[in-house]
Amino acid sequence: AMLARAARARATLDGRSYVIPDDVKALAVPALRHRVILSPAAQIDGRLVEQIVSDLVDQTEAPR
């Protein structure tokens, strides 16, 4: 819900009454990083939460 609200706010600030996929992509990491807990193995491997969320967003196809 927070990501959706933030995306709507970003769209409004950009002068749009609708959200585009770029709004969601731009806000995904800041809105979701606190929700991810890395496994000990991921921590040892040096994985970053921000990179994991970013990779997931990049792999997710936007609806049409």
PDB file of N, CA and C in Angstrom:
ATOM      1  N   ALA A   1       0.822  -1.192   0.000  1.00  0.00           N
ATOM      2  CA  ALA A   1       0.000   0.000   0.000  1.00  0.00           C
ATOM      3  C   ALA A   1       0.866   1.256   0.000  1.00  0.00           C
ATOM      4  N   MET A   2       1.981   1.213   0.741  1.00  0.00           N
ATOM      5  CA  MET A   2       2.852   2.384   0.810  1.00  0.00           C
ATOM      6  C   MET A   2       3.508   2.658  -0.548  1.00  0.00           C
ATOM      7  N   LEU A   3       3.912   1.616  -1.231  1.00  0.00           N
ATOM      8  CA  LEU A   3       4.523   1.790  -2.552  1.00  0.00           C
ATOM      9  C   LEU A   3       3.519   2.392  -3.532  1.00  0.00           C
ATOM     10  N   ALA A   4       2.289   1.939  -3.482  1.00  0.00           N
ATOM     11  CA  ALA A   4       1.249   2.467  -4.373  1.00  0.00           C
ATOM     12  C   ALA A   4       0.987   3.942  -4.087  1.00  0.00           C
ATOM     13  N   ARG A   5       0.917   4.297  -2.811  1.00  0.00           N
ATOM     14  CA  ARG A   5       0.683   5.708  -2.458  1.00  0.00           C
ATOM     15  C   ARG A   5       1.850   6.585  -2.887  1.00  0.00           C
ATOM     16  N   ALA A   6       3.054   6.081  -2.674  1.00  0.00           N
ATOM     17  CA  ALA A   6       4.238   6.842  -3.072  1.00  0.00           C
ATOM     18  C   ALA A   6       4.282   7.018  -4.590  1.00  0.00           C
ATOM     19  N   ALA A   7       3.919   5.981  -5.326  1.00  0.00           N
ATOM     20  CA  ALA A   7       3.900   6.072  -6.789  1.00  0.00           C
ATOM     21  C   ALA A   7       2.859   7.082  -7.261  1.00  0.00           C
ATOM     22  N   ARG A   8       1.697   7.095  -6.607  1.00  0.00           N
ATOM     23  CA  ARG A   8       0.668   8.091  -6.964  1.00  0.00           C
ATOM     24  C   ARG A   8       1.170   9.502  -6.671  1.00  0.00           C
ATOM     25  N   ALA A   9       1.857   9.673  -5.549  1.00  0.00           N
ATOM     26  CA  ALA A   9       2.392  10.990  -5.204  1.00  0.00           C
ATOM     27  C   ALA A   9       3.442  11.427  -6.223  1.00  0.00           C
ATOM     28  N   ARG A  10       4.300  10.515  -6.618  1.00  0.00           N
ATOM     29  CA  ARG A  10       5.327  10.839  -7.615  1.00  0.00           C
ATOM     30  C   ARG A  10       4.682  11.234  -8.941  1.00  0.00           C
ATOM     31  N   ALA A  11       3.665  10.505  -9.342  1.00  0.00           N
ATOM     32  CA  ALA A  11       2.956  10.832 -10.581  1.00  0.00           C
ATOM     33  C   ALA A  11       2.338  12.227 -10.491  1.00  0.00           C
ATOM     34  N   THR A  12       1.725  12.520  -9.359  1.00  0.00           N
ATOM     35  CA  THR A  12       1.111  13.838  -9.163  1.00  0.00           C
ATOM     36  C   THR A  12       2.159  14.941  -9.241  1.00  0.00           C
ATOM     37  N   LEU A  13       3.302  14.719  -8.596  1.00  0.00           N
ATOM     38  CA  LEU A  13       4.375  15.718  -8.634  1.00  0.00           C
ATOM     39  C   LEU A  13       4.918  15.912 -10.049  1.00  0.00           C
ATOM     40  N   ASP A  14       4.806  14.877 -10.865  1.00  0.00           N
ATOM     41  CA  ASP A  14       5.227  14.978 -12.263  1.00  0.00           C
ATOM     42  C   ASP A  14       4.110  15.498 -13.165  1.00  0.00           C
ATOM     43  N   GLY A  15       2.970  15.877 -12.564  1.00  0.00           N
ATOM     44  CA  GLY A  15       1.877  16.464 -13.333  1.00  0.00           C
ATOM     45  C   GLY A  15       0.960  15.462 -14.004  1.00  0.00           C
ATOM     46  N   ARG A  16       0.985  14.212 -13.521  1.00  0.00           N
ATOM     47  CA  ARG A  16       0.126  13.185 -14.104  1.00  0.00           C
ATOM     48  C   ARG A  16      -0.918  12.733 -13.098  1.00  0.00           C
ATOM     49  N   SER A  17      -2.070  12.321 -13.598  1.00  0.00           N
ATOM     50  CA  SER A  17      -3.127  11.788 -12.733  1.00  0.00           C
ATOM     51  C   SER A  17      -3.120  10.263 -12.753  1.00  0.00           C
ATOM     52  N   TYR A  18      -2.076   9.686 -13.305  1.00  0.00           N
ATOM     53  CA  TYR A  18      -1.964   8.230 -13.419  1.00  0.00           C
ATOM     54  C   TYR A  18      -0.516   7.808 -13.140  1.00  0.00           C
ATOM     55  N   VAL A  19      -0.356   6.577 -12.701  1.00  0.00           N
ATOM     56  CA  VAL A  19       0.960   6.024 -12.374  1.00  0.00           C
ATOM     57  C   VAL A  19       1.481   5.245 -13.573  1.00  0.00           C
ATOM     58  N   ILE A  20       2.767   5.398 -13.844  1.00  0.00           N
ATOM     59  CA  ILE A  20       3.416   4.610 -14.892  1.00  0.00           C
ATOM     60  C   ILE A  20       4.426   3.659 -14.231  1.00  0.00           C
ATOM     61  N   PRO A  21       4.828   2.613 -14.932  1.00  0.00           N
ATOM     62  CA  PRO A  21       5.769   1.661 -14.335  1.00  0.00           C
ATOM     63  C   PRO A  21       7.046   2.310 -13.795  1.00  0.00           C
ATOM     64  N   ASP A  22       7.522   3.353 -14.439  1.00  0.00           N
ATOM     65  CA  ASP A  22       8.736   4.021 -13.953  1.00  0.00           C
ATOM     66  C   ASP A  22       8.544   4.628 -12.565  1.00  0.00           C
ATOM     67  N   ASP A  23       7.326   5.049 -12.237  1.00  0.00           N
ATOM     68  CA  ASP A  23       7.053   5.566 -10.891  1.00  0.00           C
ATOM     69  C   ASP A  23       7.288   4.476  -9.858  1.00  0.00           C
ATOM     70  N   VAL A  24       6.765   3.301 -10.140  1.00  0.00           N
ATOM     71  CA  VAL A  24       6.905   2.175  -9.211  1.00  0.00           C
ATOM     72  C   VAL A  24       8.362   1.743  -9.126  1.00  0.00           C
ATOM     73  N   LYS A  25       9.027   1.639 -10.272  1.00  0.00           N
ATOM     74  CA  LYS A  25      10.429   1.212 -10.288  1.00  0.00           C
ATOM     75  C   LYS A  25      11.314   2.174  -9.501  1.00  0.00           C
ATOM     76  N   ALA A  26      11.066   3.461  -9.639  1.00  0.00           N
ATOM     77  CA  ALA A  26      11.895   4.456  -8.962  1.00  0.00           C
ATOM     78  C   ALA A  26      11.754   4.393  -7.447  1.00  0.00           C
ATOM     79  N   LEU A  27      10.611   3.936  -6.974  1.00  0.00           N
ATOM     80  CA  LEU A  27      10.340   3.943  -5.535  1.00  0.00           C
ATOM     81  C   LEU A  27      10.407   2.573  -4.883  1.00  0.00           C
ATOM     82  N   ALA A  28      10.612   1.534  -5.658  1.00  0.00           N
ATOM     83  CA  ALA A  28      10.577   0.173  -5.113  1.00  0.00           C
ATOM     84  C   ALA A  28      11.637  -0.048  -4.040  1.00  0.00           C
ATOM     85  N   VAL A  29      12.865   0.328  -4.309  1.00  0.00           N
ATOM     86  CA  VAL A  29      13.932   0.084  -3.329  1.00  0.00           C
ATOM     87  C   VAL A  29      13.690   0.861  -2.039  1.00  0.00           C
ATOM     88  N   PRO A  30      13.447   2.169  -2.091  1.00  0.00           N
ATOM     89  CA  PRO A  30      13.213   2.882  -0.829  1.00  0.00           C
ATOM     90  C   PRO A  30      11.988   2.374  -0.064  1.00  0.00           C
ATOM     91  N   ALA A  31      10.970   1.946  -0.801  1.00  0.00           N
ATOM     92  CA  ALA A  31       9.731   1.514  -0.139  1.00  0.00           C
ATOM     93  C   ALA A  31       9.795   0.089   0.388  1.00  0.00           C
ATOM     94  N   LEU A  32      10.646  -0.754  -0.189  1.00  0.00           N
ATOM     95  CA  LEU A  32      10.626  -2.176   0.152  1.00  0.00           C
ATOM     96  C   LEU A  32      11.864  -2.689   0.885  1.00  0.00           C
ATOM     97  N   ARG A  33      12.960  -1.937   0.892  1.00  0.00           N
ATOM     98  CA  ARG A  33      14.201  -2.485   1.449  1.00  0.00           C
ATOM     99  C   ARG A  33      14.082  -2.879   2.912  1.00  0.00           C
ATOM    100  N   HIS A  34      13.257  -2.189   3.668  1.00  0.00           N
ATOM    101  CA  HIS A  34      13.123  -2.529   5.091  1.00  0.00           C
ATOM    102  C   HIS A  34      12.303  -3.803   5.304  1.00  0.00           C
ATOM    103  N   ARG A  35      11.691  -4.326   4.251  1.00  0.00           N
ATOM    104  CA  ARG A  35      10.872  -5.533   4.356  1.00  0.00           C
ATOM    105  C   ARG A  35      11.648  -6.813   4.069  1.00  0.00           C
ATOM    106  N   VAL A  36      12.887  -6.683   3.619  1.00  0.00           N
ATOM    107  CA  VAL A  36      13.687  -7.844   3.237  1.00  0.00           C
ATOM    108  C   VAL A  36      14.720  -8.128   4.320  1.00  0.00           C
ATOM    109  N   ILE A  37      14.777  -9.382   4.734  1.00  0.00           N
ATOM    110  CA  ILE A  37      15.788  -9.822   5.696  1.00  0.00           C
ATOM    111  C   ILE A  37      16.674 -10.830   4.979  1.00  0.00           C
ATOM    112  N   LEU A  38      17.951 -10.520   4.897  1.00  0.00           N
ATOM    113  CA  LEU A  38      18.874 -11.407   4.207  1.00  0.00           C
ATOM    114  C   LEU A  38      19.166 -12.646   5.034  1.00  0.00           C
ATOM    115  N   SER A  39      19.317 -13.759   4.345  1.00  0.00           N
ATOM    116  CA  SER A  39      19.723 -14.996   5.013  1.00  0.00           C
ATOM    117  C   SER A  39      21.198 -14.861   5.397  1.00  0.00           C
ATOM    118  N   PRO A  40      21.646 -15.649   6.367  1.00  0.00           N
ATOM    119  CA  PRO A  40      23.073 -15.608   6.719  1.00  0.00           C
ATOM    120  C   PRO A  40      23.975 -15.885   5.511  1.00  0.00           C
ATOM    121  N   ALA A  41      23.565 -16.803   4.649  1.00  0.00           N
ATOM    122  CA  ALA A  41      24.370 -17.108   3.459  1.00  0.00           C
ATOM    123  C   ALA A  41      24.481 -15.886   2.545  1.00  0.00           C
ATOM    124  N   ALA A  42      23.384 -15.176   2.367  1.00  0.00           N
ATOM    125  CA  ALA A  42      23.401 -13.972   1.526  1.00  0.00           C
ATOM    126  C   ALA A  42      24.279 -12.896   2.153  1.00  0.00           C
ATOM    127  N   GLN A  43      24.232 -12.781   3.472  1.00  0.00           N
ATOM    128  CA  GLN A  43      25.076 -11.807   4.168  1.00  0.00           C
ATOM    129  C   GLN A  43      26.551 -12.138   3.980  1.00  0.00           C
ATOM    130  N   ILE A  44      26.890 -13.417   4.113  1.00  0.00           N
ATOM    131  CA  ILE A  44      28.278 -13.847   3.940  1.00  0.00           C
ATOM    132  C   ILE A  44      28.743 -13.588   2.509  1.00  0.00           C
ATOM    133  N   ASP A  45      27.845 -13.799   1.558  1.00  0.00           N
ATOM    134  CA  ASP A  45      28.177 -13.559   0.147  1.00  0.00           C
ATOM    135  C   ASP A  45      28.289 -12.074  -0.181  1.00  0.00           C
ATOM    136  N   GLY A  46      27.930 -11.214   0.769  1.00  0.00           N
ATOM    137  CA  GLY A  46      28.023  -9.778   0.544  1.00  0.00           C
ATOM    138  C   GLY A  46      26.871  -9.197  -0.252  1.00  0.00           C
ATOM    139  N   ARG A  47      25.768  -9.921  -0.314  1.00  0.00           N
ATOM    140  CA  ARG A  47      24.595  -9.422  -1.047  1.00  0.00           C
ATOM    141  C   ARG A  47      24.021  -8.207  -0.314  1.00  0.00           C
ATOM    142  N   LEU A  48      23.492  -7.276  -1.058  1.00  0.00           N
ATOM    143  CA  LEU A  48      22.858  -6.087  -0.499  1.00  0.00           C
ATOM    144  C   LEU A  48      21.362  -6.143  -0.758  1.00  0.00           C
ATOM    145  N   VAL A  49      20.589  -5.756   0.240  1.00  0.00           N
ATOM    146  CA  VAL A  49      19.132  -5.749   0.103  1.00  0.00           C
ATOM    147  C   VAL A  49      18.722  -4.887  -1.083  1.00  0.00           C
ATOM    148  N   GLU A  50      19.339  -3.735  -1.206  1.00  0.00           N
ATOM    149  CA  GLU A  50      18.994  -2.822  -2.285  1.00  0.00           C
ATOM    150  C   GLU A  50      19.177  -3.479  -3.653  1.00  0.00           C
ATOM    151  N   GLN A  51      20.256  -4.240  -3.809  1.00  0.00           N
ATOM    152  CA  GLN A  51      20.516  -4.888  -5.096  1.00  0.00           C
ATOM    153  C   GLN A  51      19.515  -6.005  -5.365  1.00  0.00           C
ATOM    154  N   ILE A  52      19.144  -6.741  -4.322  1.00  0.00           N
ATOM    155  CA  ILE A  52      18.169  -7.821  -4.484  1.00  0.00           C
ATOM    156  C   ILE A  52      16.820  -7.259  -4.911  1.00  0.00           C
ATOM    157  N   VAL A  53      16.360  -6.213  -4.238  1.00  0.00           N
ATOM    158  CA  VAL A  53      15.074  -5.601  -4.599  1.00  0.00           C
ATOM    159  C   VAL A  53      15.147  -5.030  -6.014  1.00  0.00           C
ATOM    160  N   SER A  54      16.235  -4.370  -6.333  1.00  0.00           N
ATOM    161  CA  SER A  54      16.406  -3.803  -7.667  1.00  0.00           C
ATOM    162  C   SER A  54      16.389  -4.892  -8.738  1.00  0.00           C
ATOM    163  N   ASP A  55      17.060  -6.005  -8.474  1.00  0.00           N
ATOM    164  CA  ASP A  55      17.058  -7.124  -9.425  1.00  0.00           C
ATOM    165  C   ASP A  55      15.649  -7.674  -9.626  1.00  0.00           C
ATOM    166  N   LEU A  56      14.901  -7.806  -8.540  1.00  0.00           N
ATOM    167  CA  LEU A  56      13.526  -8.306  -8.645  1.00  0.00           C
ATOM    168  C   LEU A  56      12.655  -7.368  -9.472  1.00  0.00           C
ATOM    169  N   VAL A  57      12.808  -6.081  -9.249  1.00  0.00           N
ATOM    170  CA  VAL A  57      12.031  -5.098 -10.011  1.00  0.00           C
ATOM    171  C   VAL A  57      12.395  -5.183 -11.493  1.00  0.00           C
ATOM    172  N   ASP A  58      13.683  -5.306 -11.782  1.00  0.00           N
ATOM    173  CA  ASP A  58      14.126  -5.385 -13.176  1.00  0.00           C
ATOM    174  C   ASP A  58      13.609  -6.639 -13.874  1.00  0.00           C
ATOM    175  N   GLN A  59      13.447  -7.723 -13.123  1.00  0.00           N
ATOM    176  CA  GLN A  59      12.995  -8.993 -13.699  1.00  0.00           C
ATOM    177  C   GLN A  59      11.473  -9.071 -13.837  1.00  0.00           C
ATOM    178  N   THR A  60      10.765  -8.132 -13.229  1.00  0.00           N
ATOM    179  CA  THR A  60       9.306  -8.158 -13.244  1.00  0.00           C
ATOM    180  C   THR A  60       8.787  -7.341 -14.422  1.00  0.00           C
ATOM    181  N   GLU A  61       7.988  -7.976 -15.253  1.00  0.00           N
ATOM    182  CA  GLU A  61       7.433  -7.291 -16.419  1.00  0.00           C
ATOM    183  C   GLU A  61       6.268  -6.404 -15.996  1.00  0.00           C
ATOM    184  N   ALA A  62       6.244  -5.201 -16.529  1.00  0.00           N
ATOM    185  CA  ALA A  62       5.162  -4.262 -16.228  1.00  0.00           C
ATOM    186  C   ALA A  62       3.874  -4.723 -16.907  1.00  0.00           C
ATOM    187  N   PRO A  63       2.734  -4.536 -16.254  1.00  0.00           N
ATOM    188  CA  PRO A  63       1.460  -4.895 -16.887  1.00  0.00           C
ATOM    189  C   PRO A  63       1.178  -3.987 -18.080  1.00  0.00           C
ATOM    190  N   ARG A  64       0.367  -4.497 -18.986  1.00  0.00           N
ATOM    191  CA  ARG A  64       0.032  -3.701 -20.185  1.00  0.00           C
ATOM    192  C   ARG A  64      -1.406  -3.315 -20.179  1.00  0.00           C
TER     193      ARG A  64
END
